[in-house]
Amino acid sequence: MMKTTYMKYIEYAITAVVLLLYGCVSERDTVSVRQVVSERSIILRIKKDKTTVFSLSYPVTFMFKKNDRKDIYYAENSYSFRNKELSSGTAACYLVPNDEDNCLTSSYRAFDGSILYIIDKNDIIQKCLSGYYNRMVSEKKDTMHVSLKYFNNNFRNIIDNFFEGDSICLHFRKSKEWHDIPLKVSFRQKLLSTE
């Protein structure tokens, strides 16, 4: 009889611990996120008066999947520049799925986007990109596409000194709940993941 009462208390204790742990599940457990290397190019855009390269659009790709049976949607992100002078304001980073459906599934789905850096007042970056600037002026082009792999391999100093250290907070919506996942953005070939 005493053994049975003792076992019931143990069952209650185990149930309480499981419920407590279930209630304390991290927001990262609701959604899994991976940053992967983008397949797209960097886009340089020249200033309207043709005096400098105005902006650099750096491509990013994130993979999202839900770890819950309920509907979960990607809503938006908050982007934080380490170097505030390169901030492009409210349109800092956008992410969209290829099919324009922000609903997450139980399998990873790609959300492509880019980070917009305003570089026209940065003399160091302008000097590094002067060859592209001269080419755009001579070819009368407003934009130029540069391979991401080439840029990462040949302009490491720009990434290390101006871009590395940026962070993003991804905002997901599940019913009336918001789930925020903060991450450092990676500009290296290494993959980032919440798993």
N, C-alpha and C. Protein backbone atom coordinates (compact mmCIF):
# COMPACT_ATOMS: atom_id res chain seq x y z
N MET A 1 0.82 -1.19 0.00
CA MET A 1 0.00 0.00 0.00
C MET A 1 0.86 1.26 0.00
N MET A 2 1.89 1.29 0.85
CA MET A 2 2.78 2.43 0.93
C MET A 2 3.57 2.59 -0.36
N LYS A 3 3.94 1.48 -0.96
CA LYS A 3 4.69 1.49 -2.21
C LYS A 3 3.84 2.10 -3.32
N THR A 4 2.57 1.80 -3.36
CA THR A 4 1.67 2.33 -4.38
C THR A 4 1.52 3.84 -4.22
N THR A 5 1.36 4.36 -3.02
CA THR A 5 1.26 5.79 -2.77
C THR A 5 2.55 6.48 -3.18
N TYR A 6 3.67 5.89 -2.86
CA TYR A 6 4.97 6.43 -3.22
C TYR A 6 5.10 6.51 -4.74
N MET A 7 4.65 5.49 -5.45
CA MET A 7 4.72 5.47 -6.92
C MET A 7 3.83 6.56 -7.52
N LYS A 8 2.67 6.79 -6.90
CA LYS A 8 1.79 7.85 -7.40
C LYS A 8 2.45 9.21 -7.26
N TYR A 9 3.11 9.45 -6.10
CA TYR A 9 3.82 10.71 -5.92
C TYR A 9 4.92 10.88 -6.96
N ILE A 10 5.60 9.82 -7.26
CA ILE A 10 6.66 9.87 -8.28
C ILE A 10 6.05 10.19 -9.64
N GLU A 11 4.92 9.56 -9.95
CA GLU A 11 4.24 9.84 -11.22
C GLU A 11 3.83 11.31 -11.29
N TYR A 12 3.26 11.84 -10.20
CA TYR A 12 2.87 13.25 -10.16
C TYR A 12 4.08 14.16 -10.34
N ALA A 13 5.17 13.80 -9.67
CA ALA A 13 6.39 14.61 -9.77
C ALA A 13 6.93 14.61 -11.20
N ILE A 14 6.94 13.46 -11.83
CA ILE A 14 7.41 13.36 -13.22
C ILE A 14 6.51 14.15 -14.15
N THR A 15 5.19 14.03 -13.95
CA THR A 15 4.24 14.78 -14.78
C THR A 15 4.44 16.28 -14.60
N ALA A 16 4.65 16.73 -13.37
CA ALA A 16 4.86 18.15 -13.10
C ALA A 16 6.13 18.66 -13.77
N VAL A 17 7.20 17.86 -13.71
CA VAL A 17 8.46 18.25 -14.34
C VAL A 17 8.30 18.32 -15.85
N VAL A 18 7.63 17.35 -16.45
CA VAL A 18 7.41 17.35 -17.90
C VAL A 18 6.60 18.57 -18.32
N LEU A 19 5.52 18.88 -17.60
CA LEU A 19 4.71 20.06 -17.91
C LEU A 19 5.50 21.35 -17.75
N LEU A 20 6.32 21.42 -16.71
CA LEU A 20 7.16 22.59 -16.49
C LEU A 20 8.14 22.76 -17.65
N LEU A 21 8.81 21.69 -18.03
CA LEU A 21 9.75 21.76 -19.14
C LEU A 21 9.05 22.09 -20.45
N TYR A 22 7.88 21.54 -20.66
CA TYR A 22 7.11 21.82 -21.88
C TYR A 22 6.73 23.30 -21.94
N GLY A 23 6.38 23.85 -20.79
CA GLY A 23 6.01 25.26 -20.74
C GLY A 23 7.18 26.19 -20.89
N CYS A 24 8.39 25.70 -20.66
CA CYS A 24 9.58 26.54 -20.76
C CYS A 24 10.37 26.29 -22.04
N VAL A 25 9.75 25.71 -23.02
CA VAL A 25 10.44 25.43 -24.27
C VAL A 25 10.88 26.74 -24.90
N SER A 26 12.10 26.78 -25.38
CA SER A 26 12.65 27.97 -26.01
C SER A 26 11.89 28.31 -27.28
N GLU A 27 11.85 29.63 -27.60
CA GLU A 27 11.23 30.04 -28.85
C GLU A 27 11.97 29.44 -30.04
N ARG A 28 13.23 29.15 -29.86
CA ARG A 28 14.01 28.54 -30.93
C ARG A 28 13.49 27.13 -31.24
N ASP A 29 12.77 26.52 -30.30
CA ASP A 29 12.24 25.19 -30.54
C ASP A 29 10.95 25.24 -31.36
N THR A 30 10.31 26.40 -31.44
CA THR A 30 9.10 26.55 -32.23
C THR A 30 9.44 26.58 -33.72
N VAL A 31 10.54 27.25 -34.05
CA VAL A 31 11.00 27.39 -35.44
C VAL A 31 12.48 27.07 -35.48
N SER A 32 12.89 26.32 -36.51
CA SER A 32 14.31 26.08 -36.74
C SER A 32 14.76 26.99 -37.88
N VAL A 33 15.94 27.58 -37.71
CA VAL A 33 16.47 28.53 -38.68
C VAL A 33 17.88 28.12 -39.07
N ARG A 34 18.16 28.20 -40.37
CA ARG A 34 19.53 28.00 -40.87
C ARG A 34 19.84 29.13 -41.83
N GLN A 35 21.00 29.74 -41.68
CA GLN A 35 21.46 30.65 -42.73
C GLN A 35 22.37 29.84 -43.63
N VAL A 36 22.11 29.90 -44.93
CA VAL A 36 22.92 29.15 -45.89
C VAL A 36 23.52 30.13 -46.89
N VAL A 37 24.54 29.67 -47.61
CA VAL A 37 25.21 30.51 -48.59
C VAL A 37 24.25 30.77 -49.75
N SER A 38 24.11 32.03 -50.11
CA SER A 38 23.21 32.42 -51.18
C SER A 38 23.79 32.07 -52.54
N GLU A 39 22.91 31.85 -53.50
CA GLU A 39 23.31 31.57 -54.88
C GLU A 39 23.33 32.84 -55.72
N ARG A 40 22.87 33.95 -55.16
CA ARG A 40 22.71 35.18 -55.93
C ARG A 40 23.93 36.08 -55.83
N SER A 41 23.96 37.11 -56.65
CA SER A 41 25.11 38.03 -56.72
C SER A 41 24.91 39.25 -55.84
N ILE A 42 26.03 39.90 -55.54
CA ILE A 42 26.01 41.21 -54.91
C ILE A 42 25.64 42.21 -55.99
N ILE A 43 24.85 43.21 -55.63
CA ILE A 43 24.47 44.24 -56.60
C ILE A 43 25.01 45.59 -56.13
N LEU A 44 25.83 46.20 -56.97
CA LEU A 44 26.34 47.54 -56.71
C LEU A 44 25.49 48.52 -57.50
N ARG A 45 25.10 49.62 -56.87
CA ARG A 45 24.28 50.63 -57.55
C ARG A 45 25.00 51.98 -57.45
N ILE A 46 25.13 52.64 -58.59
CA ILE A 46 25.83 53.92 -58.64
C ILE A 46 24.88 55.05 -58.23
N LYS A 47 25.43 56.12 -57.67
CA LYS A 47 24.63 57.28 -57.26
C LYS A 47 24.07 57.98 -58.50
N LYS A 48 22.95 58.65 -58.34
CA LYS A 48 22.29 59.30 -59.50
C LYS A 48 23.19 60.31 -60.19
N ASP A 49 24.02 61.03 -59.41
CA ASP A 49 24.91 62.01 -60.03
C ASP A 49 26.21 61.39 -60.55
N LYS A 50 26.30 60.07 -60.47
CA LYS A 50 27.43 59.29 -61.00
C LYS A 50 28.77 59.58 -60.31
N THR A 51 28.73 60.08 -59.07
CA THR A 51 29.98 60.43 -58.39
C THR A 51 30.59 59.30 -57.57
N THR A 52 29.77 58.36 -57.10
CA THR A 52 30.26 57.25 -56.27
C THR A 52 29.35 56.04 -56.44
N VAL A 53 29.80 54.93 -55.89
CA VAL A 53 28.92 53.78 -55.75
C VAL A 53 28.04 54.08 -54.53
N PHE A 54 26.74 54.12 -54.73
CA PHE A 54 25.82 54.51 -53.67
C PHE A 54 25.54 53.39 -52.69
N SER A 55 25.22 52.19 -53.20
CA SER A 55 24.82 51.10 -52.31
C SER A 55 25.37 49.76 -52.76
N LEU A 56 25.43 48.87 -51.78
CA LEU A 56 25.84 47.48 -52.01
C LEU A 56 24.75 46.61 -51.42
N SER A 57 24.16 45.75 -52.23
CA SER A 57 23.12 44.84 -51.77
C SER A 57 23.73 43.44 -51.64
N TYR A 58 23.83 42.98 -50.40
CA TYR A 58 24.48 41.69 -50.09
C TYR A 58 23.41 40.61 -49.95
N PRO A 59 23.44 39.57 -50.79
CA PRO A 59 22.39 38.54 -50.74
C PRO A 59 22.51 37.62 -49.53
N VAL A 60 21.37 37.28 -48.96
CA VAL A 60 21.32 36.31 -47.85
C VAL A 60 20.17 35.33 -48.10
N THR A 61 20.36 34.13 -47.62
CA THR A 61 19.31 33.11 -47.70
C THR A 61 19.19 32.42 -46.34
N PHE A 62 17.97 32.37 -45.84
CA PHE A 62 17.68 31.66 -44.61
C PHE A 62 16.71 30.53 -44.92
N MET A 63 16.86 29.42 -44.22
CA MET A 63 15.95 28.28 -44.32
C MET A 63 15.17 28.23 -43.02
N PHE A 64 13.84 28.20 -43.13
CA PHE A 64 12.97 28.12 -41.95
C PHE A 64 12.12 26.87 -42.02
N LYS A 65 11.87 26.28 -40.85
CA LYS A 65 10.86 25.22 -40.75
C LYS A 65 10.21 25.30 -39.38
N LYS A 66 8.97 24.86 -39.31
CA LYS A 66 8.27 24.88 -38.03
C LYS A 66 8.45 23.55 -37.32
N ASN A 67 8.44 23.61 -36.01
CA ASN A 67 8.55 22.41 -35.17
C ASN A 67 7.28 22.23 -34.35
N ASP A 68 6.18 22.68 -34.90
CA ASP A 68 4.91 22.70 -34.20
C ASP A 68 3.82 22.38 -35.22
N ARG A 69 2.73 21.80 -34.77
CA ARG A 69 1.64 21.48 -35.71
C ARG A 69 0.81 22.70 -36.10
N LYS A 70 0.83 23.74 -35.28
CA LYS A 70 0.04 24.94 -35.57
C LYS A 70 0.65 25.71 -36.74
N ASP A 71 -0.18 26.58 -37.34
CA ASP A 71 0.31 27.44 -38.41
C ASP A 71 1.28 28.47 -37.85
N ILE A 72 2.42 28.59 -38.50
CA ILE A 72 3.43 29.57 -38.11
C ILE A 72 3.85 30.31 -39.38
N TYR A 73 3.93 31.64 -39.26
CA TYR A 73 4.27 32.47 -40.41
C TYR A 73 5.50 33.31 -40.13
N TYR A 74 6.33 33.49 -41.15
CA TYR A 74 7.40 34.47 -41.06
C TYR A 74 6.75 35.84 -41.27
N ALA A 75 7.00 36.78 -40.36
CA ALA A 75 6.37 38.09 -40.45
C ALA A 75 7.33 39.15 -40.97
N GLU A 76 8.47 39.31 -40.31
CA GLU A 76 9.42 40.36 -40.67
C GLU A 76 10.69 40.15 -39.87
N ASN A 77 11.61 41.11 -40.03
CA ASN A 77 12.82 41.04 -39.23
C ASN A 77 13.23 42.44 -38.80
N SER A 78 14.04 42.47 -37.77
CA SER A 78 14.66 43.72 -37.33
C SER A 78 16.15 43.52 -37.55
N TYR A 79 16.75 44.41 -38.33
CA TYR A 79 18.17 44.27 -38.65
C TYR A 79 18.97 45.31 -37.89
N SER A 80 20.10 44.89 -37.35
CA SER A 80 20.95 45.80 -36.58
C SER A 80 22.35 45.84 -37.20
N PHE A 81 22.73 47.02 -37.68
CA PHE A 81 24.05 47.21 -38.27
C PHE A 81 25.08 47.45 -37.18
N ARG A 82 26.20 46.76 -37.27
CA ARG A 82 27.29 47.04 -36.34
C ARG A 82 27.84 48.43 -36.65
N ASN A 83 27.99 48.75 -37.95
CA ASN A 83 28.48 50.04 -38.38
C ASN A 83 27.27 50.89 -38.79
N LYS A 84 26.81 51.76 -37.89
CA LYS A 84 25.58 52.54 -38.11
C LYS A 84 25.65 53.43 -39.35
N GLU A 85 26.86 53.85 -39.75
CA GLU A 85 27.00 54.72 -40.92
C GLU A 85 26.57 54.03 -42.22
N LEU A 86 26.56 52.71 -42.22
CA LEU A 86 26.17 51.96 -43.42
C LEU A 86 24.69 51.59 -43.40
N SER A 87 23.98 52.02 -42.36
CA SER A 87 22.57 51.68 -42.22
C SER A 87 21.75 52.29 -43.34
N SER A 88 20.86 51.49 -43.87
CA SER A 88 20.00 51.96 -44.95
C SER A 88 18.60 52.31 -44.45
N GLY A 89 18.43 52.40 -43.16
CA GLY A 89 17.13 52.77 -42.61
C GLY A 89 16.19 51.58 -42.51
N THR A 90 14.91 51.81 -42.77
CA THR A 90 13.91 50.78 -42.52
C THR A 90 13.99 49.60 -43.49
N ALA A 91 14.56 49.79 -44.67
CA ALA A 91 14.63 48.70 -45.64
C ALA A 91 15.97 48.00 -45.57
N ALA A 92 16.44 47.77 -44.37
CA ALA A 92 17.78 47.21 -44.18
C ALA A 92 17.92 45.80 -44.73
N CYS A 93 16.98 44.94 -44.41
CA CYS A 93 17.06 43.55 -44.85
C CYS A 93 15.65 43.05 -45.11
N TYR A 94 15.46 42.46 -46.28
CA TYR A 94 14.15 41.86 -46.55
C TYR A 94 14.37 40.39 -46.85
N LEU A 95 13.37 39.58 -46.55
CA LEU A 95 13.39 38.15 -46.83
C LEU A 95 12.03 37.74 -47.36
N VAL A 96 12.01 37.02 -48.47
CA VAL A 96 10.75 36.54 -49.04
C VAL A 96 10.93 35.12 -49.57
N PRO A 97 9.90 34.30 -49.47
CA PRO A 97 9.97 32.96 -50.08
C PRO A 97 9.74 33.08 -51.59
N ASN A 98 10.22 32.11 -52.33
CA ASN A 98 10.08 32.13 -53.79
C ASN A 98 8.62 32.12 -54.23
N ASP A 99 7.75 31.44 -53.47
CA ASP A 99 6.34 31.35 -53.86
C ASP A 99 5.45 32.38 -53.16
N GLU A 100 6.06 33.33 -52.45
CA GLU A 100 5.37 34.41 -51.75
C GLU A 100 4.43 33.92 -50.65
N ASP A 101 4.58 32.69 -50.20
CA ASP A 101 3.77 32.15 -49.11
C ASP A 101 4.64 32.13 -47.85
N ASN A 102 4.32 32.97 -46.88
CA ASN A 102 5.12 33.09 -45.66
C ASN A 102 4.84 32.01 -44.62
N CYS A 103 3.93 31.08 -44.94
CA CYS A 103 3.60 30.00 -44.01
C CYS A 103 4.73 28.98 -43.98
N LEU A 104 5.19 28.63 -42.78
CA LEU A 104 6.25 27.64 -42.64
C LEU A 104 5.67 26.24 -42.71
N THR A 105 6.49 25.29 -43.12
CA THR A 105 6.09 23.89 -43.16
C THR A 105 7.01 23.09 -42.25
N SER A 106 6.79 21.80 -42.16
CA SER A 106 7.63 20.96 -41.32
C SER A 106 8.94 20.59 -42.02
N SER A 107 9.10 21.02 -43.27
CA SER A 107 10.36 20.87 -44.00
C SER A 107 10.96 22.25 -44.20
N TYR A 108 12.28 22.31 -44.35
CA TYR A 108 12.93 23.60 -44.55
C TYR A 108 12.49 24.24 -45.86
N ARG A 109 12.22 25.55 -45.81
CA ARG A 109 11.90 26.34 -47.00
C ARG A 109 12.85 27.53 -47.05
N ALA A 110 13.28 27.87 -48.27
CA ALA A 110 14.23 28.98 -48.44
C ALA A 110 13.50 30.32 -48.47
N PHE A 111 14.04 31.29 -47.75
CA PHE A 111 13.60 32.67 -47.79
C PHE A 111 14.81 33.49 -48.23
N ASP A 112 14.73 34.04 -49.43
CA ASP A 112 15.84 34.80 -50.00
C ASP A 112 15.64 36.28 -49.74
N GLY A 113 16.74 36.99 -49.64
CA GLY A 113 16.67 38.43 -49.47
C GLY A 113 18.03 39.06 -49.62
N SER A 114 18.13 40.28 -49.15
CA SER A 114 19.41 40.98 -49.21
C SER A 114 19.48 42.02 -48.11
N ILE A 115 20.71 42.39 -47.79
CA ILE A 115 20.99 43.44 -46.83
C ILE A 115 21.48 44.63 -47.65
N LEU A 116 20.87 45.77 -47.45
CA LEU A 116 21.24 46.96 -48.22
C LEU A 116 22.16 47.84 -47.39
N TYR A 117 23.39 48.03 -47.89
CA TYR A 117 24.37 48.90 -47.26
C TYR A 117 24.50 50.17 -48.07
N ILE A 118 24.40 51.32 -47.42
CA ILE A 118 24.60 52.62 -48.06
C ILE A 118 26.09 52.96 -47.88
N ILE A 119 26.84 52.94 -48.98
CA ILE A 119 28.30 53.04 -48.88
C ILE A 119 28.88 54.30 -49.52
N ASP A 120 28.05 55.22 -49.97
CA ASP A 120 28.55 56.37 -50.74
C ASP A 120 29.45 57.30 -49.94
N LYS A 121 29.33 57.30 -48.60
CA LYS A 121 30.16 58.19 -47.78
C LYS A 121 31.34 57.47 -47.13
N ASN A 122 31.57 56.22 -47.50
CA ASN A 122 32.66 55.46 -46.91
C ASN A 122 33.84 55.41 -47.89
N ASP A 123 34.86 56.21 -47.61
CA ASP A 123 36.02 56.34 -48.51
C ASP A 123 36.78 55.03 -48.68
N ILE A 124 36.87 54.24 -47.63
CA ILE A 124 37.62 52.98 -47.69
C ILE A 124 36.94 52.01 -48.66
N ILE A 125 35.61 51.84 -48.50
CA ILE A 125 34.88 50.94 -49.39
C ILE A 125 34.89 51.48 -50.82
N GLN A 126 34.76 52.81 -50.98
CA GLN A 126 34.80 53.40 -52.32
C GLN A 126 36.12 53.11 -53.02
N LYS A 127 37.21 53.21 -52.27
CA LYS A 127 38.53 52.94 -52.85
C LYS A 127 38.64 51.48 -53.28
N CYS A 128 38.15 50.56 -52.43
CA CYS A 128 38.19 49.13 -52.76
C CYS A 128 37.38 48.81 -54.01
N LEU A 129 36.26 49.51 -54.18
CA LEU A 129 35.35 49.23 -55.30
C LEU A 129 35.54 50.18 -56.49
N SER A 130 36.64 50.93 -56.51
CA SER A 130 36.84 51.93 -57.56
C SER A 130 36.87 51.32 -58.96
N GLY A 131 37.40 50.11 -59.09
CA GLY A 131 37.41 49.44 -60.40
C GLY A 131 36.00 49.22 -60.93
N TYR A 132 35.07 48.83 -60.05
CA TYR A 132 33.67 48.64 -60.45
C TYR A 132 33.01 49.98 -60.77
N TYR A 133 33.35 51.00 -59.97
CA TYR A 133 32.79 52.33 -60.23
C TYR A 133 33.22 52.81 -61.62
N ASN A 134 34.51 52.72 -61.91
CA ASN A 134 35.03 53.17 -63.21
C ASN A 134 34.37 52.40 -64.36
N ARG A 135 34.17 51.12 -64.15
CA ARG A 135 33.55 50.30 -65.20
C ARG A 135 32.09 50.69 -65.42
N MET A 136 31.34 50.94 -64.33
CA MET A 136 29.95 51.36 -64.46
C MET A 136 29.84 52.69 -65.20
N VAL A 137 30.76 53.63 -64.89
CA VAL A 137 30.74 54.93 -65.55
C VAL A 137 31.05 54.77 -67.04
N SER A 138 32.12 53.99 -67.34
CA SER A 138 32.52 53.84 -68.75
C SER A 138 31.48 53.07 -69.57
N GLU A 139 30.80 52.11 -68.95
CA GLU A 139 29.78 51.33 -69.66
C GLU A 139 28.39 51.95 -69.54
N LYS A 140 28.29 53.09 -68.84
CA LYS A 140 27.01 53.79 -68.63
C LYS A 140 25.95 52.88 -68.02
N LYS A 141 26.37 52.19 -66.94
CA LYS A 141 25.47 51.29 -66.22
C LYS A 141 25.14 51.87 -64.85
N ASP A 142 23.91 51.68 -64.43
CA ASP A 142 23.49 52.11 -63.09
C ASP A 142 23.78 51.05 -62.03
N THR A 143 23.81 49.79 -62.45
CA THR A 143 24.06 48.68 -61.52
C THR A 143 25.08 47.72 -62.10
N MET A 144 25.69 46.96 -61.21
CA MET A 144 26.63 45.91 -61.62
C MET A 144 26.46 44.73 -60.67
N HIS A 145 26.46 43.54 -61.23
CA HIS A 145 26.37 42.31 -60.44
C HIS A 145 27.76 41.72 -60.27
N VAL A 146 28.09 41.36 -59.04
CA VAL A 146 29.38 40.77 -58.71
C VAL A 146 29.13 39.43 -58.04
N SER A 147 29.82 38.41 -58.49
CA SER A 147 29.67 37.08 -57.89
C SER A 147 29.93 37.16 -56.38
N LEU A 148 29.04 36.55 -55.60
CA LEU A 148 29.19 36.55 -54.14
C LEU A 148 30.48 35.85 -53.74
N LYS A 149 30.77 34.74 -54.37
CA LYS A 149 32.00 34.00 -54.05
C LYS A 149 33.24 34.85 -54.34
N TYR A 150 33.23 35.53 -55.48
CA TYR A 150 34.36 36.40 -55.84
C TYR A 150 34.50 37.53 -54.82
N PHE A 151 33.38 38.17 -54.48
CA PHE A 151 33.41 39.26 -53.52
C PHE A 151 33.94 38.78 -52.17
N ASN A 152 33.41 37.66 -51.68
CA ASN A 152 33.85 37.14 -50.37
C ASN A 152 35.33 36.80 -50.36
N ASN A 153 35.85 36.31 -51.48
CA ASN A 153 37.27 35.93 -51.55
C ASN A 153 38.19 37.13 -51.75
N ASN A 154 37.72 38.18 -52.44
CA ASN A 154 38.60 39.29 -52.81
C ASN A 154 38.38 40.58 -52.01
N PHE A 155 37.28 40.66 -51.27
CA PHE A 155 37.01 41.85 -50.48
C PHE A 155 36.74 41.49 -49.02
N ARG A 156 37.55 40.57 -48.52
CA ARG A 156 37.42 40.09 -47.14
C ARG A 156 37.54 41.24 -46.14
N ASN A 157 38.40 42.23 -46.48
CA ASN A 157 38.61 43.35 -45.56
C ASN A 157 37.34 44.18 -45.38
N ILE A 158 36.52 44.33 -46.44
CA ILE A 158 35.25 45.05 -46.31
C ILE A 158 34.32 44.29 -45.38
N ILE A 159 34.23 42.98 -45.59
CA ILE A 159 33.35 42.16 -44.75
C ILE A 159 33.80 42.19 -43.29
N ASP A 160 35.09 41.94 -43.06
CA ASP A 160 35.59 41.89 -41.68
C ASP A 160 35.50 43.23 -40.96
N ASN A 161 35.77 44.33 -41.68
CA ASN A 161 35.82 45.64 -41.03
C ASN A 161 34.48 46.38 -40.97
N PHE A 162 33.55 46.04 -41.85
CA PHE A 162 32.31 46.82 -41.91
C PHE A 162 31.03 46.00 -41.75
N PHE A 163 31.00 44.75 -42.20
CA PHE A 163 29.76 43.97 -42.17
C PHE A 163 29.69 42.97 -41.01
N GLU A 164 30.81 42.31 -40.74
CA GLU A 164 30.81 41.27 -39.70
C GLU A 164 30.41 41.88 -38.36
N GLY A 165 29.53 41.20 -37.65
CA GLY A 165 29.03 41.70 -36.37
C GLY A 165 27.60 42.20 -36.46
N ASP A 166 27.06 42.27 -37.69
CA ASP A 166 25.64 42.63 -37.85
C ASP A 166 24.77 41.52 -37.28
N SER A 167 23.57 41.87 -36.87
CA SER A 167 22.66 40.85 -36.34
C SER A 167 21.25 41.08 -36.86
N ILE A 168 20.46 40.03 -36.78
CA ILE A 168 19.09 40.07 -37.25
C ILE A 168 18.21 39.40 -36.20
N CYS A 169 17.02 39.94 -36.01
CA CYS A 169 16.03 39.29 -35.15
C CYS A 169 14.86 38.92 -36.06
N LEU A 170 14.61 37.65 -36.21
CA LEU A 170 13.54 37.15 -37.08
C LEU A 170 12.26 37.05 -36.26
N HIS A 171 11.16 37.57 -36.82
CA HIS A 171 9.89 37.60 -36.11
C HIS A 171 8.91 36.65 -36.79
N PHE A 172 8.40 35.69 -36.03
CA PHE A 172 7.44 34.70 -36.52
C PHE A 172 6.13 34.84 -35.74
N ARG A 173 5.05 34.52 -36.41
CA ARG A 173 3.73 34.64 -35.79
C ARG A 173 3.06 33.28 -35.74
N LYS A 174 2.61 32.89 -34.55
CA LYS A 174 1.84 31.65 -34.37
C LYS A 174 0.57 32.03 -33.63
N SER A 175 -0.56 31.98 -34.35
CA SER A 175 -1.83 32.41 -33.78
C SER A 175 -1.68 33.86 -33.33
N LYS A 176 -1.86 34.14 -32.04
CA LYS A 176 -1.70 35.52 -31.56
C LYS A 176 -0.34 35.72 -30.90
N GLU A 177 0.50 34.70 -30.93
CA GLU A 177 1.80 34.78 -30.27
C GLU A 177 2.88 35.21 -31.27
N TRP A 178 3.84 35.98 -30.77
CA TRP A 178 5.02 36.34 -31.55
C TRP A 178 6.21 35.56 -31.02
N HIS A 179 7.03 35.06 -31.93
CA HIS A 179 8.25 34.35 -31.55
C HIS A 179 9.42 35.05 -32.24
N ASP A 180 10.37 35.51 -31.44
CA ASP A 180 11.52 36.24 -31.97
C ASP A 180 12.77 35.40 -31.83
N ILE A 181 13.53 35.32 -32.91
CA ILE A 181 14.78 34.55 -32.89
C ILE A 181 15.92 35.47 -33.30
N PRO A 182 16.76 35.89 -32.34
CA PRO A 182 17.91 36.74 -32.67
C PRO A 182 19.09 35.89 -33.14
N LEU A 183 19.79 36.37 -34.15
CA LEU A 183 20.96 35.67 -34.70
C LEU A 183 22.01 36.67 -35.14
N LYS A 184 23.27 36.28 -35.06
CA LYS A 184 24.33 37.02 -35.73
C LYS A 184 24.28 36.59 -37.19
N VAL A 185 24.46 37.53 -38.10
CA VAL A 185 24.46 37.21 -39.53
C VAL A 185 25.86 36.76 -39.90
N SER A 186 25.96 35.70 -40.68
CA SER A 186 27.26 35.19 -41.11
C SER A 186 27.56 35.63 -42.53
N PHE A 187 28.77 36.15 -42.72
CA PHE A 187 29.23 36.52 -44.06
C PHE A 187 30.32 35.56 -44.52
N ARG A 188 30.43 34.44 -43.85
CA ARG A 188 31.42 33.42 -44.20
C ARG A 188 30.71 32.25 -44.84
N GLN A 189 31.48 31.32 -45.34
CA GLN A 189 30.90 30.16 -46.01
C GLN A 189 30.29 29.19 -45.00
N LYS A 190 30.57 29.41 -43.70
CA LYS A 190 30.03 28.54 -42.65
C LYS A 190 28.53 28.74 -42.50
N LEU A 191 27.80 27.68 -42.30
CA LEU A 191 26.35 27.75 -42.11
C LEU A 191 26.03 28.06 -40.67
N LEU A 192 24.99 28.84 -40.47
CA LEU A 192 24.49 29.13 -39.12
C LEU A 192 23.18 28.40 -38.92
N SER A 193 22.94 27.96 -37.70
CA SER A 193 21.72 27.22 -37.43
C SER A 193 21.32 27.38 -35.98
N THR A 194 20.01 27.31 -35.71
CA THR A 194 19.52 27.31 -34.34
C THR A 194 19.46 25.90 -33.77
N GLU A 195 19.74 24.91 -34.59
CA GLU A 195 19.65 23.53 -34.11
C GLU A 195 20.91 23.11 -33.39
